[in-house]
Amino acid sequence: MKNSQVIIGYENSLFIDFVVDKKYRWIRHCLLIGVIVGIHFLPSKKAEVDPTSSLWRLFETLLSITILLSLFYINHYILIPAFVLRSRFLAYAGSLLVAYTFIFLVLMYLERQELRFIQKPDRSYLDWEDYLIIVILLTIFIAAVSSMKLFKVWIVNLIRFKEFENNTLTIQLEQLKSQINPHFLFNTLNNINFLIDENPKLASKVLLKLSDVLRNQLYLSKGDSIELGKEIAVLKNILFMEDIRRDKFVVDFTIDQQMEQLHVPPFLFIPFVENVVKHSAHQAMEGGQHVQIAFSIQADRICFTCVNPKKRKIQAAAYGGLGLSNIQKRLEILYPNSYNLQIDDFDDRYKVFLSIPMET
């Protein structure tokens, strides 16, 4: 499975990785604690001369840090999961208000012990106006830290959605590949049935070829891609079985040099050859060729061309069926907006052109 930043489209984003990856959790927490502590220990213009006052000021600072960190972790691990992520916003606001009130009451009590967190010019005690100020300041703090939590939750949910989407597409691709095999099997079994009465030995030979083809399909379909040469070997076996069945069946099969080492999705071209077998007529095309199949490279793309004759009475809707329907679905999943499939229906022949990007 791809890592999180690749899944959501940020292949070079260390920031996304830092926010989401669990291995950075302690660094994130240490960074937050460092920021809160650093703010409290910023240089002050007022120098404390009395050692006792300095000690009380240090105690007040540590208490303030403890309050903020406690509020952060309660909000981070209890309030947000219990209320915000369940869309219980009024309960979340009420819980924060209770927490603010509790903190204010603690401060009022400590103030009677000469621990003044808000130094007033007249040195009076905290009142409800100060309560509003504390509520506003803590709300700003909570909003800042909550945004980080919610951003992380959004990223994690987006990653999970993409993983679910990718898994769904993978399952769908496996289903589509599995549907190709029965389609080919049905066509070939019909051919064998045709040969059993006329030539049993030839039918046995075709059956052995079918066994080889299905064995190749069983092992080659397990991966995401195969060498084009292995795919072509399967295509030639299918055409060989059709050649045995027919008296006149000529195939012009051409492939550019060094293309057999290229990788393609397994069984991407079989449905086109199945339709060649299904719709080819006995009469030859111009030049004495029944079928023309070619693989070539054009502008870093793998191009497949297949031309086969047809019976004139066949309707255009009859071409394809389950096999080509599955291929179009697979192409949409594998190469969204980057493949080119053209099927031309002429009076006496079909022409298929498929262009896909080369795998890097």
Protein backbone atom coordinates (compact mmCIF):
# COMPACT_ATOMS: atom_id res chain seq x y z
CA MET A 1 0.00 0.00 0.00
CA LYS A 2 1.23 3.45 -0.81
CA ASN A 3 2.18 5.72 2.00
CA SER A 4 -0.18 8.43 3.18
CA GLN A 5 1.32 11.38 1.33
CA VAL A 6 1.30 9.55 -2.02
CA ILE A 7 -2.30 8.42 -1.55
CA ILE A 8 -3.60 11.92 -1.06
CA GLY A 9 -1.44 13.38 -3.80
CA TYR A 10 1.38 15.05 -1.83
CA GLU A 11 4.32 12.90 -2.89
CA ASN A 12 6.92 15.37 -1.58
CA SER A 13 5.05 16.77 1.44
CA LEU A 14 7.08 16.17 4.59
CA PHE A 15 4.55 18.33 6.43
CA ILE A 16 1.70 15.89 5.75
CA ASP A 17 3.90 13.01 6.80
CA PHE A 18 4.89 14.84 10.00
CA VAL A 19 1.26 15.57 10.90
CA VAL A 20 -0.06 12.05 10.25
CA ASP A 21 2.73 9.54 10.87
CA LYS A 22 2.73 7.99 14.35
CA LYS A 23 6.51 7.87 14.46
CA TYR A 24 6.50 11.68 14.80
CA ARG A 25 3.95 11.72 17.67
CA TRP A 26 6.47 12.38 20.44
CA ILE A 27 8.15 15.10 18.39
CA ARG A 28 4.78 16.81 17.85
CA HIS A 29 3.98 16.71 21.57
CA CYS A 30 7.43 17.90 22.59
CA LEU A 31 7.16 20.75 20.11
CA LEU A 32 3.80 21.83 21.52
CA ILE A 33 5.03 21.66 25.12
CA GLY A 34 8.14 23.59 24.11
CA VAL A 35 6.05 26.36 22.53
CA ILE A 36 3.79 26.71 25.59
CA VAL A 37 6.72 26.69 28.00
CA GLY A 38 8.75 29.06 25.83
CA ILE A 39 5.95 31.64 25.73
CA HIS A 40 5.75 31.67 29.54
CA PHE A 41 9.49 32.17 29.91
CA LEU A 42 9.89 35.00 27.44
CA PRO A 43 12.10 37.80 28.81
CA SER A 44 10.10 40.20 30.98
CA LYS A 45 10.74 43.95 31.27
CA LYS A 46 10.08 43.82 35.01
CA ALA A 47 12.95 42.31 36.94
CA GLU A 48 12.11 40.62 40.19
CA VAL A 49 14.39 41.87 42.94
CA ASP A 50 12.85 40.01 45.85
CA PRO A 51 13.83 36.29 45.77
CA THR A 52 10.52 35.39 47.41
CA SER A 53 8.56 37.20 44.68
CA SER A 54 10.62 35.47 42.01
CA LEU A 55 9.81 32.10 43.57
CA TRP A 56 6.09 32.86 43.66
CA ARG A 57 6.23 34.09 40.06
CA LEU A 58 7.89 30.82 39.02
CA PHE A 59 5.18 28.87 40.82
CA GLU A 60 2.48 30.88 39.04
CA THR A 61 4.16 30.27 35.70
CA LEU A 62 4.38 26.52 36.25
CA LEU A 63 0.75 26.45 37.37
CA SER A 64 -0.30 28.35 34.24
CA ILE A 65 1.63 25.90 32.05
CA THR A 66 -0.03 22.97 33.87
CA ILE A 67 -3.49 24.45 33.31
CA LEU A 68 -2.92 25.01 29.58
CA LEU A 69 -1.40 21.56 29.00
CA SER A 70 -4.17 19.88 31.00
CA LEU A 71 -6.79 21.77 29.01
CA PHE A 72 -5.06 20.82 25.77
CA TYR A 73 -4.91 17.08 26.49
CA ILE A 74 -8.44 16.93 27.88
CA ASN A 75 -9.67 18.70 24.75
CA HIS A 76 -7.46 16.64 22.44
CA TYR A 77 -8.21 13.15 23.74
CA ILE A 78 -11.61 13.48 25.44
CA LEU A 79 -13.73 16.42 24.31
CA ILE A 80 -13.02 16.39 20.55
CA PRO A 81 -13.45 12.59 20.12
CA ALA A 82 -16.53 12.52 22.37
CA PHE A 83 -18.32 15.59 21.03
CA VAL A 84 -16.85 17.28 17.93
CA LEU A 85 -16.24 14.10 15.92
CA ARG A 86 -19.78 13.00 16.76
CA SER A 87 -21.25 16.39 15.75
CA ARG A 88 -22.36 17.18 19.32
CA PHE A 89 -21.23 20.80 19.17
CA LEU A 90 -23.52 22.21 21.90
CA ALA A 91 -22.28 19.57 24.33
CA TYR A 92 -18.70 20.43 23.34
CA ALA A 93 -19.26 24.16 23.95
CA GLY A 94 -20.93 23.39 27.28
CA SER A 95 -18.03 21.18 28.36
CA LEU A 96 -15.54 23.91 27.53
CA LEU A 97 -17.60 26.44 29.46
CA VAL A 98 -17.61 24.14 32.48
CA ALA A 99 -13.83 23.76 32.18
CA TYR A 100 -13.35 27.53 31.90
CA THR A 101 -15.53 28.12 34.95
CA PHE A 102 -13.63 25.53 36.95
CA ILE A 103 -10.30 27.12 36.00
CA PHE A 104 -11.61 30.58 36.93
CA LEU A 105 -12.84 29.36 40.34
CA VAL A 106 -9.44 27.79 40.99
CA LEU A 107 -7.75 31.07 40.10
CA MET A 108 -10.10 32.97 42.40
CA TYR A 109 -9.20 30.64 45.25
CA LEU A 110 -5.48 30.85 44.57
CA GLU A 111 -5.73 34.61 44.32
CA ARG A 112 -6.79 34.70 47.93
CA GLN A 113 -3.47 32.97 48.56
CA GLU A 114 -1.65 35.91 46.93
CA LEU A 115 -1.16 34.16 43.57
CA ARG A 116 -2.27 36.82 41.11
CA PHE A 117 -2.40 35.64 37.48
CA ILE A 118 -3.91 38.93 36.34
CA GLN A 119 -2.19 41.87 37.91
CA LYS A 120 -4.62 44.81 38.24
CA PRO A 121 -3.40 48.35 38.84
CA ASP A 122 -5.60 48.62 41.93
CA ARG A 123 -4.65 45.09 43.01
CA SER A 124 -8.31 44.14 43.36
CA TYR A 125 -9.51 40.56 43.14
CA LEU A 126 -10.75 38.84 40.00
CA ASP A 127 -14.33 39.56 38.97
CA TRP A 128 -16.72 38.49 36.18
CA GLU A 129 -15.16 40.85 33.69
CA ASP A 130 -11.91 38.97 34.23
CA TYR A 131 -13.89 35.75 33.75
CA LEU A 132 -14.90 36.93 30.27
CA ILE A 133 -11.29 37.81 29.48
CA ILE A 134 -10.14 34.34 30.60
CA VAL A 135 -12.90 32.70 28.54
CA ILE A 136 -11.83 34.63 25.44
CA LEU A 137 -8.13 33.86 25.91
CA LEU A 138 -8.70 30.16 26.57
CA THR A 139 -11.12 29.95 23.64
CA ILE A 140 -8.43 31.36 21.34
CA PHE A 141 -6.00 28.79 22.72
CA ILE A 142 -8.50 25.93 22.28
CA ALA A 143 -9.35 27.07 18.75
CA ALA A 144 -5.68 27.05 17.80
CA VAL A 145 -4.89 23.60 19.19
CA SER A 146 -8.22 22.13 18.04
CA SER A 147 -7.54 23.21 14.47
CA MET A 148 -4.39 21.08 14.48
CA LYS A 149 -6.32 18.08 15.77
CA LEU A 150 -9.15 18.52 13.28
CA PHE A 151 -6.68 19.00 10.43
CA LYS A 152 -5.02 15.71 11.36
CA VAL A 153 -8.41 13.96 11.56
CA TRP A 154 -9.32 15.37 8.13
CA ILE A 155 -6.06 14.11 6.62
CA VAL A 156 -6.45 10.66 8.21
CA ASN A 157 -10.05 10.38 6.98
CA LEU A 158 -8.99 11.45 3.51
CA ILE A 159 -6.25 8.80 3.51
CA ARG A 160 -8.71 6.14 4.65
CA PHE A 161 -11.17 7.17 1.96
CA LYS A 162 -8.48 6.97 -0.70
CA GLU A 163 -7.34 3.58 0.60
CA PHE A 164 -10.94 2.35 0.55
CA GLU A 165 -11.35 3.71 -2.97
CA ASN A 166 -8.12 2.06 -4.11
CA ASN A 167 -9.12 -1.25 -2.48
CA THR A 168 -12.51 -1.05 -4.16
CA LEU A 169 -10.88 -0.45 -7.54
CA THR A 170 -8.48 -3.34 -6.92
CA ILE A 171 -11.36 -5.68 -6.10
CA GLN A 172 -13.25 -4.46 -9.15
CA LEU A 173 -10.20 -5.05 -11.35
CA GLU A 174 -9.85 -8.59 -10.02
CA GLN A 175 -13.51 -9.23 -10.73
CA LEU A 176 -13.18 -7.86 -14.25
CA LYS A 177 -10.12 -10.02 -14.92
CA SER A 178 -11.91 -13.08 -13.62
CA GLN A 179 -14.80 -12.36 -15.98
CA ILE A 180 -12.50 -12.45 -18.98
CA ASN A 181 -11.50 -16.07 -18.44
CA PRO A 182 -15.03 -17.58 -18.63
CA HIS A 183 -15.75 -15.53 -21.74
CA PHE A 184 -12.73 -16.99 -23.49
CA LEU A 185 -13.58 -20.44 -22.13
CA PHE A 186 -17.11 -20.35 -23.57
CA ASN A 187 -15.86 -19.45 -27.04
CA THR A 188 -13.15 -22.11 -27.07
CA LEU A 189 -15.36 -24.87 -25.71
CA ASN A 190 -17.76 -24.17 -28.56
CA ASN A 191 -14.87 -24.64 -30.97
CA ILE A 192 -13.90 -27.93 -29.34
CA ASN A 193 -17.50 -29.09 -29.47
CA PHE A 194 -17.49 -28.36 -33.20
CA LEU A 195 -14.36 -30.48 -33.70
CA ILE A 196 -15.32 -33.51 -31.59
CA ASP A 197 -17.48 -35.10 -34.26
CA GLU A 198 -15.38 -34.07 -37.27
CA ASN A 199 -11.87 -34.74 -35.96
CA PRO A 200 -11.51 -36.13 -32.40
CA LYS A 201 -7.70 -36.07 -32.51
CA LEU A 202 -7.71 -32.45 -33.52
CA ALA A 203 -10.23 -31.70 -30.78
CA SER A 204 -7.88 -33.32 -28.27
CA LYS A 205 -5.02 -31.16 -29.53
CA VAL A 206 -7.10 -28.02 -29.19
CA LEU A 207 -8.13 -29.09 -25.69
CA LEU A 208 -4.47 -29.39 -24.70
CA LYS A 209 -3.84 -25.91 -26.11
CA LEU A 210 -6.79 -24.62 -24.12
CA SER A 211 -5.27 -26.17 -21.01
CA ASP A 212 -2.01 -24.31 -21.68
CA VAL A 213 -3.83 -21.02 -22.17
CA LEU A 214 -5.88 -21.39 -18.98
CA ARG A 215 -2.76 -22.39 -17.04
CA ASN A 216 -1.03 -19.23 -18.24
CA GLN A 217 -4.05 -17.17 -17.31
CA LEU A 218 -4.10 -18.70 -13.84
CA TYR A 219 -0.51 -17.71 -13.07
CA LEU A 220 -0.15 -14.51 -15.08
CA SER A 221 -3.34 -12.90 -13.72
CA LYS A 222 -1.99 -12.77 -10.16
CA GLY A 223 0.16 -9.70 -10.77
CA ASP A 224 -0.70 -6.14 -11.67
CA SER A 225 1.31 -6.36 -14.87
CA ILE A 226 3.05 -8.87 -17.11
CA GLU A 227 5.57 -8.72 -19.91
CA LEU A 228 3.98 -7.94 -23.24
CA GLY A 229 5.74 -10.98 -24.71
CA LYS A 230 3.82 -13.31 -22.37
CA GLU A 231 0.55 -11.59 -23.26
CA ILE A 232 1.33 -12.03 -26.95
CA ALA A 233 2.08 -15.73 -26.40
CA VAL A 234 -1.43 -16.18 -25.01
CA LEU A 235 -2.89 -14.29 -27.98
CA LYS A 236 -1.01 -16.51 -30.44
CA ASN A 237 -2.27 -19.65 -28.70
CA ILE A 238 -5.85 -18.43 -29.06
CA LEU A 239 -5.31 -17.68 -32.73
CA PHE A 240 -3.58 -21.06 -33.18
CA MET A 241 -6.68 -22.87 -31.92
CA GLU A 242 -8.82 -20.88 -34.34
CA ASP A 243 -6.40 -21.66 -37.15
CA ILE A 244 -6.82 -25.40 -36.50
CA ARG A 245 -10.60 -25.07 -36.62
CA ARG A 246 -10.72 -23.22 -39.93
CA ASP A 247 -9.46 -24.15 -43.35
CA LYS A 248 -8.48 -20.60 -44.26
CA PHE A 249 -7.40 -18.42 -41.42
CA VAL A 250 -4.42 -16.14 -42.03
CA VAL A 251 -3.04 -13.79 -39.39
CA ASP A 252 -0.52 -11.03 -40.01
CA PHE A 253 1.03 -10.50 -36.56
CA THR A 254 3.67 -7.75 -36.25
CA ILE A 255 5.41 -6.24 -33.24
CA ASP A 256 8.09 -3.58 -32.97
CA GLN A 257 11.49 -4.66 -31.73
CA GLN A 258 12.17 -4.81 -27.99
CA MET A 259 8.49 -4.37 -27.14
CA GLU A 260 8.14 -7.83 -25.61
CA GLN A 261 9.97 -6.68 -22.46
CA LEU A 262 7.46 -3.89 -21.80
CA HIS A 263 4.90 -4.43 -19.04
CA VAL A 264 1.15 -4.17 -19.52
CA PRO A 265 -1.92 -5.13 -17.43
CA PRO A 266 -2.63 -8.85 -17.84
CA PHE A 267 -5.17 -9.92 -20.48
CA LEU A 268 -5.83 -6.42 -21.73
CA PHE A 269 -5.85 -7.51 -25.39
CA ILE A 270 -7.49 -10.93 -25.16
CA PRO A 271 -11.09 -9.67 -25.61
CA PHE A 272 -10.14 -8.07 -28.93
CA VAL A 273 -8.69 -11.36 -30.17
CA GLU A 274 -11.75 -13.20 -28.85
CA ASN A 275 -13.89 -10.97 -31.00
CA VAL A 276 -11.62 -11.67 -33.96
CA VAL A 277 -12.40 -15.34 -33.46
CA LYS A 278 -16.08 -14.64 -32.98
CA HIS A 279 -16.75 -12.30 -35.90
CA SER A 280 -14.12 -13.09 -38.54
CA ALA A 281 -15.61 -14.23 -41.82
CA HIS A 282 -14.17 -16.97 -44.01
CA GLN A 283 -13.53 -14.72 -46.93
CA ALA A 284 -10.12 -13.03 -47.05
CA MET A 285 -9.55 -9.31 -46.84
CA GLU A 286 -7.62 -7.41 -49.45
CA GLY A 287 -4.15 -8.90 -49.81
CA GLY A 288 -5.31 -12.36 -48.75
CA GLN A 289 -5.22 -11.69 -45.01
CA HIS A 290 -7.98 -12.52 -42.59
CA VAL A 291 -6.64 -10.68 -39.56
CA GLN A 292 -4.06 -7.96 -39.04
CA ILE A 293 -2.66 -7.46 -35.53
CA ALA A 294 0.14 -5.01 -34.75
CA PHE A 295 1.92 -3.69 -31.66
CA SER A 296 3.98 -0.52 -31.94
CA ILE A 297 5.42 2.35 -29.89
CA GLN A 298 4.36 5.88 -30.73
CA ALA A 299 5.37 8.87 -28.57
CA ASP A 300 6.05 6.75 -25.46
CA ARG A 301 2.73 4.97 -25.82
CA ILE A 302 1.94 1.34 -26.54
CA CYS A 303 -0.33 1.12 -29.56
CA PHE A 304 -2.38 -1.93 -30.46
CA THR A 305 -4.16 -2.29 -33.81
CA CYS A 306 -6.45 -5.13 -34.78
CA VAL A 307 -8.30 -5.39 -38.09
CA ASN A 308 -10.56 -8.34 -38.79
CA PRO A 309 -13.26 -9.11 -41.37
CA LYS A 310 -16.89 -9.50 -40.41
CA LYS A 311 -20.07 -10.79 -41.88
CA ARG A 312 -21.99 -7.97 -43.46
CA LYS A 313 -25.20 -8.75 -41.60
CA ILE A 314 -23.67 -8.28 -38.13
CA GLN A 315 -24.92 -5.20 -36.35
CA ALA A 316 -22.43 -2.85 -34.72
CA ALA A 317 -23.98 -3.47 -31.30
CA ALA A 318 -23.15 -7.15 -31.62
CA TYR A 319 -19.42 -6.48 -31.58
CA GLY A 320 -17.78 -6.81 -28.20
CA GLY A 321 -20.20 -8.06 -25.58
CA LEU A 322 -19.04 -8.89 -22.08
CA GLY A 323 -15.32 -8.98 -22.90
CA LEU A 324 -15.04 -5.50 -24.41
CA SER A 325 -17.38 -4.05 -21.81
CA ASN A 326 -15.00 -5.30 -19.12
CA ILE A 327 -12.00 -3.96 -20.98
CA GLN A 328 -13.52 -0.47 -21.16
CA LYS A 329 -14.19 -0.57 -17.41
CA ARG A 330 -10.63 -1.72 -16.74
CA LEU A 331 -9.22 1.03 -18.93
CA GLU A 332 -11.25 3.64 -17.04
CA ILE A 333 -9.77 2.36 -13.77
CA LEU A 334 -6.20 1.79 -14.92
CA TYR A 335 -5.79 4.79 -17.24
CA PRO A 336 -8.41 7.44 -16.40
CA ASN A 337 -8.37 10.11 -19.14
CA SER A 338 -5.09 8.75 -20.53
CA TYR A 339 -6.09 5.91 -22.84
CA ASN A 340 -7.44 6.03 -26.38
CA LEU A 341 -9.78 3.29 -27.60
CA GLN A 342 -11.28 3.54 -31.07
CA ILE A 343 -13.51 0.89 -32.63
CA ASP A 344 -14.41 1.54 -36.26
CA ASP A 345 -17.21 -0.46 -37.85
CA PHE A 346 -16.86 -0.69 -41.61
CA ASP A 347 -19.08 -2.61 -44.00
CA ASP A 348 -16.78 -5.62 -44.23
CA ARG A 349 -14.40 -5.31 -41.27
CA TYR A 350 -13.78 -4.01 -37.77
CA LYS A 351 -10.78 -1.96 -36.81
CA VAL A 352 -9.70 -1.55 -33.20
CA PHE A 353 -7.04 0.90 -32.08
CA LEU A 354 -5.91 1.06 -28.44
CA SER A 355 -3.24 3.38 -27.08
CA ILE A 356 -2.05 3.30 -23.47
CA PRO A 357 0.85 4.98 -21.65
CA MET A 358 4.06 3.02 -21.24
CA GLU A 359 4.77 1.97 -17.65
CA THR A 360 7.81 3.63 -16.12
